[in-house]
Amino acid sequence: MEMIMDCFFENVFSEIDRADLLARYKRRNMVEYLSTVIQACSHVEGQPQEACRSAVASALNFHASTRGQNGQVCLMGKYHNVLYVAARLAFDWKLEHSETVCQLLDHMFLCERTFDRLMT
């Protein structure tokens, strides 16, 4: 699962326009797509929590990588909105891996210094 998600973020997600995830419906579409991938992988592997954790971890790695390539400054746009896609996946799949959820919240707070957008 991790390899599939890493390939997705490296080869597919990195090619979409920077503003593609600004609209809420586009983030929902991305969540639906990734949920389908998670569902398929969890059906084969029998571990939906691990499949979801891998998807969220890959999103975090993508965010950290792009942030690191920009001198530890978040590029925002799709590079940051990927965190909200990951948050929705974690919520929808009821991710119980607290370390991954904490890392997700840390990434969000590090860039925004607030959780206001998460609550709206």
N, C-alpha and C. Protein backbone atom coordinates (compact mmCIF):
# COMPACT_ATOMS: atom_id res chain seq x y z
N MET A 1 0.83 -1.20 0.00
CA MET A 1 0.00 0.00 0.00
C MET A 1 0.87 1.26 0.00
N GLU A 2 1.91 1.25 0.82
CA GLU A 2 2.76 2.45 0.88
C GLU A 2 3.38 2.77 -0.47
N MET A 3 3.82 1.73 -1.16
CA MET A 3 4.45 1.95 -2.46
C MET A 3 3.44 2.54 -3.46
N ILE A 4 2.22 2.05 -3.41
CA ILE A 4 1.18 2.57 -4.31
C ILE A 4 0.93 4.05 -4.03
N MET A 5 0.80 4.39 -2.75
CA MET A 5 0.52 5.78 -2.39
C MET A 5 1.70 6.69 -2.68
N ASP A 6 2.91 6.22 -2.40
CA ASP A 6 4.09 7.03 -2.70
C ASP A 6 4.20 7.30 -4.20
N CYS A 7 3.94 6.28 -5.01
CA CYS A 7 3.95 6.46 -6.47
C CYS A 7 2.87 7.44 -6.91
N PHE A 8 1.70 7.35 -6.29
CA PHE A 8 0.62 8.28 -6.62
C PHE A 8 1.05 9.72 -6.37
N PHE A 9 1.62 9.99 -5.19
CA PHE A 9 2.00 11.36 -4.87
C PHE A 9 3.18 11.84 -5.70
N GLU A 10 4.12 10.96 -6.00
CA GLU A 10 5.29 11.35 -6.79
C GLU A 10 4.96 11.55 -8.27
N ASN A 11 4.11 10.69 -8.81
CA ASN A 11 3.89 10.70 -10.26
C ASN A 11 2.59 11.36 -10.70
N VAL A 12 1.54 11.24 -9.92
CA VAL A 12 0.24 11.77 -10.33
C VAL A 12 -0.05 13.09 -9.64
N PHE A 13 -0.03 13.08 -8.33
CA PHE A 13 -0.40 14.26 -7.57
C PHE A 13 0.54 15.43 -7.86
N SER A 14 1.80 15.15 -8.01
CA SER A 14 2.76 16.23 -8.26
C SER A 14 2.53 16.92 -9.60
N GLU A 15 1.79 16.28 -10.52
CA GLU A 15 1.54 16.85 -11.84
C GLU A 15 0.27 17.70 -11.93
N ILE A 16 -0.59 17.65 -10.93
CA ILE A 16 -1.81 18.47 -11.00
C ILE A 16 -1.45 19.93 -10.72
N ASP A 17 -2.30 20.83 -11.18
CA ASP A 17 -2.06 22.25 -10.97
C ASP A 17 -2.06 22.59 -9.49
N ARG A 18 -1.32 23.62 -9.16
CA ARG A 18 -1.18 24.03 -7.76
C ARG A 18 -2.52 24.41 -7.13
N ALA A 19 -3.41 24.99 -7.91
CA ALA A 19 -4.70 25.46 -7.38
C ALA A 19 -5.81 24.42 -7.48
N ASP A 20 -5.48 23.22 -7.92
CA ASP A 20 -6.51 22.20 -8.14
C ASP A 20 -7.27 21.78 -6.89
N LEU A 21 -6.71 21.91 -5.73
CA LEU A 21 -7.41 21.47 -4.52
C LEU A 21 -7.98 22.63 -3.70
N LEU A 22 -8.03 23.82 -4.30
CA LEU A 22 -8.59 24.96 -3.57
C LEU A 22 -10.09 24.80 -3.36
N ALA A 23 -10.77 24.32 -4.36
CA ALA A 23 -12.23 24.13 -4.26
C ALA A 23 -12.52 22.88 -3.43
N ARG A 24 -13.49 23.02 -2.56
CA ARG A 24 -13.85 21.91 -1.66
C ARG A 24 -14.27 20.67 -2.44
N TYR A 25 -15.01 20.84 -3.53
CA TYR A 25 -15.48 19.67 -4.28
C TYR A 25 -14.31 18.90 -4.90
N LYS A 26 -13.23 19.60 -5.24
CA LYS A 26 -12.06 18.91 -5.79
C LYS A 26 -11.33 18.12 -4.70
N ARG A 27 -11.30 18.67 -3.49
CA ARG A 27 -10.72 17.91 -2.38
C ARG A 27 -11.58 16.68 -2.09
N ARG A 28 -12.90 16.84 -2.16
CA ARG A 28 -13.80 15.68 -1.97
C ARG A 28 -13.56 14.61 -3.03
N ASN A 29 -13.39 15.04 -4.26
CA ASN A 29 -13.11 14.08 -5.34
C ASN A 29 -11.82 13.32 -5.07
N MET A 30 -10.81 14.03 -4.59
CA MET A 30 -9.53 13.39 -4.27
C MET A 30 -9.71 12.40 -3.12
N VAL A 31 -10.50 12.78 -2.12
CA VAL A 31 -10.78 11.88 -0.99
C VAL A 31 -11.49 10.63 -1.48
N GLU A 32 -12.48 10.81 -2.35
CA GLU A 32 -13.22 9.66 -2.89
C GLU A 32 -12.29 8.73 -3.67
N TYR A 33 -11.42 9.32 -4.46
CA TYR A 33 -10.48 8.51 -5.25
C TYR A 33 -9.56 7.72 -4.32
N LEU A 34 -8.96 8.40 -3.35
CA LEU A 34 -8.04 7.72 -2.45
C LEU A 34 -8.77 6.72 -1.56
N SER A 35 -10.01 7.00 -1.21
CA SER A 35 -10.80 6.04 -0.43
C SER A 35 -11.03 4.76 -1.22
N THR A 36 -11.23 4.91 -2.52
CA THR A 36 -11.39 3.73 -3.37
C THR A 36 -10.11 2.90 -3.38
N VAL A 37 -8.97 3.57 -3.45
CA VAL A 37 -7.69 2.87 -3.42
C VAL A 37 -7.51 2.18 -2.06
N ILE A 38 -7.83 2.89 -0.98
CA ILE A 38 -7.71 2.31 0.36
C ILE A 38 -8.62 1.10 0.48
N GLN A 39 -9.85 1.23 0.00
CA GLN A 39 -10.81 0.13 0.08
C GLN A 39 -10.30 -1.09 -0.69
N ALA A 40 -9.77 -0.87 -1.87
CA ALA A 40 -9.26 -1.99 -2.67
C ALA A 40 -8.07 -2.66 -1.98
N CYS A 41 -7.15 -1.86 -1.47
CA CYS A 41 -5.98 -2.42 -0.80
C CYS A 41 -6.37 -3.12 0.50
N SER A 42 -7.30 -2.54 1.23
CA SER A 42 -7.70 -3.17 2.49
C SER A 42 -8.48 -4.45 2.24
N HIS A 43 -9.18 -4.53 1.11
CA HIS A 43 -9.89 -5.76 0.75
C HIS A 43 -8.89 -6.88 0.48
N VAL A 44 -7.80 -6.54 -0.19
CA VAL A 44 -6.77 -7.53 -0.52
C VAL A 44 -5.96 -7.89 0.72
N GLU A 45 -5.51 -6.86 1.46
CA GLU A 45 -4.64 -7.08 2.61
C GLU A 45 -5.41 -7.38 3.89
N GLY A 46 -6.68 -6.99 3.94
CA GLY A 46 -7.48 -7.24 5.12
C GLY A 46 -7.19 -6.33 6.30
N GLN A 47 -6.55 -5.20 6.04
CA GLN A 47 -6.19 -4.27 7.12
C GLN A 47 -6.53 -2.84 6.71
N PRO A 48 -7.78 -2.43 6.88
CA PRO A 48 -8.17 -1.07 6.46
C PRO A 48 -7.45 0.03 7.25
N GLN A 49 -7.17 -0.20 8.52
CA GLN A 49 -6.47 0.81 9.32
C GLN A 49 -5.05 1.04 8.78
N GLU A 50 -4.38 -0.03 8.42
CA GLU A 50 -3.02 0.09 7.90
C GLU A 50 -3.02 0.75 6.52
N ALA A 51 -4.02 0.44 5.71
CA ALA A 51 -4.12 1.06 4.39
C ALA A 51 -4.36 2.56 4.52
N CYS A 52 -5.23 2.95 5.43
CA CYS A 52 -5.49 4.37 5.66
C CYS A 52 -4.26 5.06 6.23
N ARG A 53 -3.59 4.41 7.18
CA ARG A 53 -2.39 4.99 7.77
C ARG A 53 -1.33 5.23 6.69
N SER A 54 -1.19 4.29 5.78
CA SER A 54 -0.22 4.43 4.69
C SER A 54 -0.56 5.61 3.79
N ALA A 55 -1.84 5.78 3.49
CA ALA A 55 -2.26 6.90 2.64
C ALA A 55 -1.98 8.23 3.32
N VAL A 56 -2.31 8.33 4.60
CA VAL A 56 -2.08 9.57 5.35
C VAL A 56 -0.57 9.82 5.48
N ALA A 57 0.19 8.78 5.76
CA ALA A 57 1.65 8.92 5.90
C ALA A 57 2.27 9.37 4.58
N SER A 58 1.80 8.86 3.47
CA SER A 58 2.32 9.29 2.16
C SER A 58 2.01 10.75 1.89
N ALA A 59 0.82 11.19 2.27
CA ALA A 59 0.47 12.61 2.12
C ALA A 59 1.38 13.47 2.99
N LEU A 60 1.65 13.02 4.21
CA LEU A 60 2.55 13.76 5.10
C LEU A 60 3.95 13.81 4.52
N ASN A 61 4.42 12.71 3.97
CA ASN A 61 5.75 12.69 3.35
C ASN A 61 5.82 13.64 2.16
N PHE A 62 4.76 13.67 1.36
CA PHE A 62 4.73 14.59 0.22
C PHE A 62 4.80 16.03 0.69
N HIS A 63 4.02 16.36 1.71
CA HIS A 63 4.02 17.72 2.25
C HIS A 63 5.39 18.07 2.81
N ALA A 64 5.97 17.18 3.59
CA ALA A 64 7.27 17.44 4.20
C ALA A 64 8.36 17.59 3.13
N SER A 65 8.28 16.79 2.09
CA SER A 65 9.26 16.84 1.02
C SER A 65 9.20 18.17 0.27
N THR A 66 8.00 18.59 -0.11
CA THR A 66 7.87 19.85 -0.84
C THR A 66 8.22 21.03 0.04
N ARG A 67 7.90 20.94 1.30
CA ARG A 67 8.24 22.00 2.25
C ARG A 67 9.76 22.08 2.42
N GLY A 68 10.39 20.92 2.52
CA GLY A 68 11.84 20.86 2.67
C GLY A 68 12.58 21.40 1.46
N GLN A 69 12.03 21.17 0.28
CA GLN A 69 12.64 21.66 -0.96
C GLN A 69 12.50 23.17 -1.10
N ASN A 70 11.67 23.78 -0.26
CA ASN A 70 11.44 25.22 -0.32
C ASN A 70 11.97 25.91 0.94
N GLY A 71 13.02 25.38 1.53
CA GLY A 71 13.63 26.01 2.70
C GLY A 71 12.75 25.97 3.93
N GLN A 72 12.00 24.89 4.12
CA GLN A 72 11.10 24.69 5.26
C GLN A 72 9.94 25.69 5.30
N VAL A 73 9.58 26.22 4.13
CA VAL A 73 8.43 27.10 4.02
C VAL A 73 7.39 26.39 3.16
N CYS A 74 6.18 26.29 3.67
CA CYS A 74 5.11 25.60 2.95
C CYS A 74 4.71 26.41 1.72
N LEU A 75 4.55 25.72 0.60
CA LEU A 75 4.17 26.37 -0.65
C LEU A 75 2.67 26.66 -0.73
N MET A 76 1.92 26.14 0.23
CA MET A 76 0.46 26.26 0.27
C MET A 76 -0.13 25.66 -1.01
N GLY A 77 -1.31 26.06 -1.41
CA GLY A 77 -1.96 25.45 -2.57
C GLY A 77 -2.12 23.96 -2.37
N LYS A 78 -1.95 23.20 -3.44
CA LYS A 78 -2.12 21.74 -3.36
C LYS A 78 -1.13 21.12 -2.39
N TYR A 79 0.02 21.74 -2.23
CA TYR A 79 1.05 21.20 -1.36
C TYR A 79 0.63 21.21 0.11
N HIS A 80 -0.26 22.12 0.45
CA HIS A 80 -0.78 22.17 1.82
C HIS A 80 -2.17 21.53 1.90
N ASN A 81 -2.97 21.71 0.87
CA ASN A 81 -4.32 21.14 0.88
C ASN A 81 -4.32 19.63 0.92
N VAL A 82 -3.21 19.02 0.56
CA VAL A 82 -3.09 17.56 0.67
C VAL A 82 -3.28 17.14 2.13
N LEU A 83 -2.95 18.02 3.06
CA LEU A 83 -3.14 17.70 4.48
C LEU A 83 -4.62 17.60 4.82
N TYR A 84 -5.44 18.42 4.19
CA TYR A 84 -6.89 18.37 4.45
C TYR A 84 -7.52 17.13 3.81
N VAL A 85 -6.97 16.71 2.69
CA VAL A 85 -7.40 15.45 2.10
C VAL A 85 -7.05 14.31 3.05
N ALA A 86 -5.84 14.34 3.59
CA ALA A 86 -5.41 13.30 4.53
C ALA A 86 -6.25 13.32 5.80
N ALA A 87 -6.60 14.52 6.27
CA ALA A 87 -7.43 14.63 7.48
C ALA A 87 -8.80 14.02 7.24
N ARG A 88 -9.35 14.25 6.06
CA ARG A 88 -10.67 13.68 5.76
C ARG A 88 -10.60 12.16 5.65
N LEU A 89 -9.52 11.67 5.08
CA LEU A 89 -9.34 10.21 5.01
C LEU A 89 -9.25 9.62 6.41
N ALA A 90 -8.46 10.28 7.27
CA ALA A 90 -8.32 9.79 8.65
C ALA A 90 -9.66 9.80 9.37
N PHE A 91 -10.46 10.83 9.13
CA PHE A 91 -11.77 10.93 9.76
C PHE A 91 -12.73 9.87 9.21
N ASP A 92 -12.81 9.78 7.90
CA ASP A 92 -13.74 8.84 7.26
C ASP A 92 -13.43 7.39 7.61
N TRP A 93 -12.15 7.06 7.68
CA TRP A 93 -11.74 5.69 7.96
C TRP A 93 -11.50 5.44 9.45
N LYS A 94 -11.78 6.47 10.27
CA LYS A 94 -11.64 6.35 11.73
C LYS A 94 -10.25 5.83 12.11
N LEU A 95 -9.24 6.50 11.57
CA LEU A 95 -7.85 6.10 11.80
C LEU A 95 -7.53 6.14 13.28
N GLU A 96 -7.05 5.03 13.81
CA GLU A 96 -6.76 4.91 15.23
C GLU A 96 -5.28 5.01 15.54
N HIS A 97 -4.45 5.19 14.54
CA HIS A 97 -3.00 5.29 14.75
C HIS A 97 -2.68 6.72 15.20
N SER A 98 -2.60 6.90 16.51
CA SER A 98 -2.50 8.24 17.08
C SER A 98 -1.23 8.98 16.67
N GLU A 99 -0.14 8.27 16.46
CA GLU A 99 1.10 8.93 16.05
C GLU A 99 0.94 9.60 14.68
N THR A 100 0.29 8.92 13.77
CA THR A 100 0.07 9.48 12.43
C THR A 100 -0.88 10.67 12.49
N VAL A 101 -1.94 10.56 13.29
CA VAL A 101 -2.89 11.67 13.44
C VAL A 101 -2.19 12.87 14.07
N CYS A 102 -1.34 12.65 15.06
CA CYS A 102 -0.60 13.75 15.69
C CYS A 102 0.35 14.41 14.69
N GLN A 103 1.01 13.61 13.87
CA GLN A 103 1.89 14.18 12.85
C GLN A 103 1.10 15.03 11.87
N LEU A 104 -0.08 14.56 11.51
CA LEU A 104 -0.94 15.32 10.60
C LEU A 104 -1.31 16.67 11.20
N LEU A 105 -1.72 16.67 12.44
CA LEU A 105 -2.07 17.93 13.12
C LEU A 105 -0.85 18.83 13.28
N ASP A 106 0.30 18.24 13.56
CA ASP A 106 1.53 19.03 13.66
C ASP A 106 1.86 19.73 12.34
N HIS A 107 1.73 18.99 11.24
CA HIS A 107 2.01 19.58 9.92
C HIS A 107 1.07 20.76 9.65
N MET A 108 -0.21 20.57 9.97
CA MET A 108 -1.19 21.64 9.75
C MET A 108 -0.85 22.87 10.58
N PHE A 109 -0.59 22.65 11.85
CA PHE A 109 -0.34 23.77 12.75
C PHE A 109 0.98 24.46 12.41
N LEU A 110 1.97 23.70 11.99
CA LEU A 110 3.27 24.27 11.65
C LEU A 110 3.15 25.31 10.54
N CYS A 111 2.27 25.07 9.59
CA CYS A 111 2.10 26.00 8.46
C CYS A 111 1.12 27.13 8.77
N GLU A 112 0.05 26.82 9.48
CA GLU A 112 -1.03 27.80 9.65
C GLU A 112 -1.05 28.48 11.01
N ARG A 113 -0.45 27.85 11.99
CA ARG A 113 -0.45 28.35 13.38
C ARG A 113 -1.85 28.43 13.97
N THR A 114 -2.77 27.66 13.42
CA THR A 114 -4.14 27.61 13.93
C THR A 114 -4.81 26.35 13.38
N PHE A 115 -5.91 25.97 14.01
CA PHE A 115 -6.72 24.87 13.51
C PHE A 115 -8.07 25.37 13.02
N ASP A 116 -8.21 26.68 12.83
CA ASP A 116 -9.49 27.27 12.43
C ASP A 116 -10.05 26.64 11.15
N ARG A 117 -9.21 26.46 10.17
CA ARG A 117 -9.68 25.94 8.88
C ARG A 117 -10.15 24.49 9.02
N LEU A 118 -9.56 23.77 9.93
CA LEU A 118 -9.96 22.38 10.16
C LEU A 118 -11.36 22.29 10.74
N MET A 119 -11.75 23.31 11.49
CA MET A 119 -13.04 23.30 12.17
C MET A 119 -14.18 23.84 11.31
N THR A 120 -13.86 24.47 10.18
CA THR A 120 -14.92 25.05 9.35
C THR A 120 -15.30 24.14 8.22
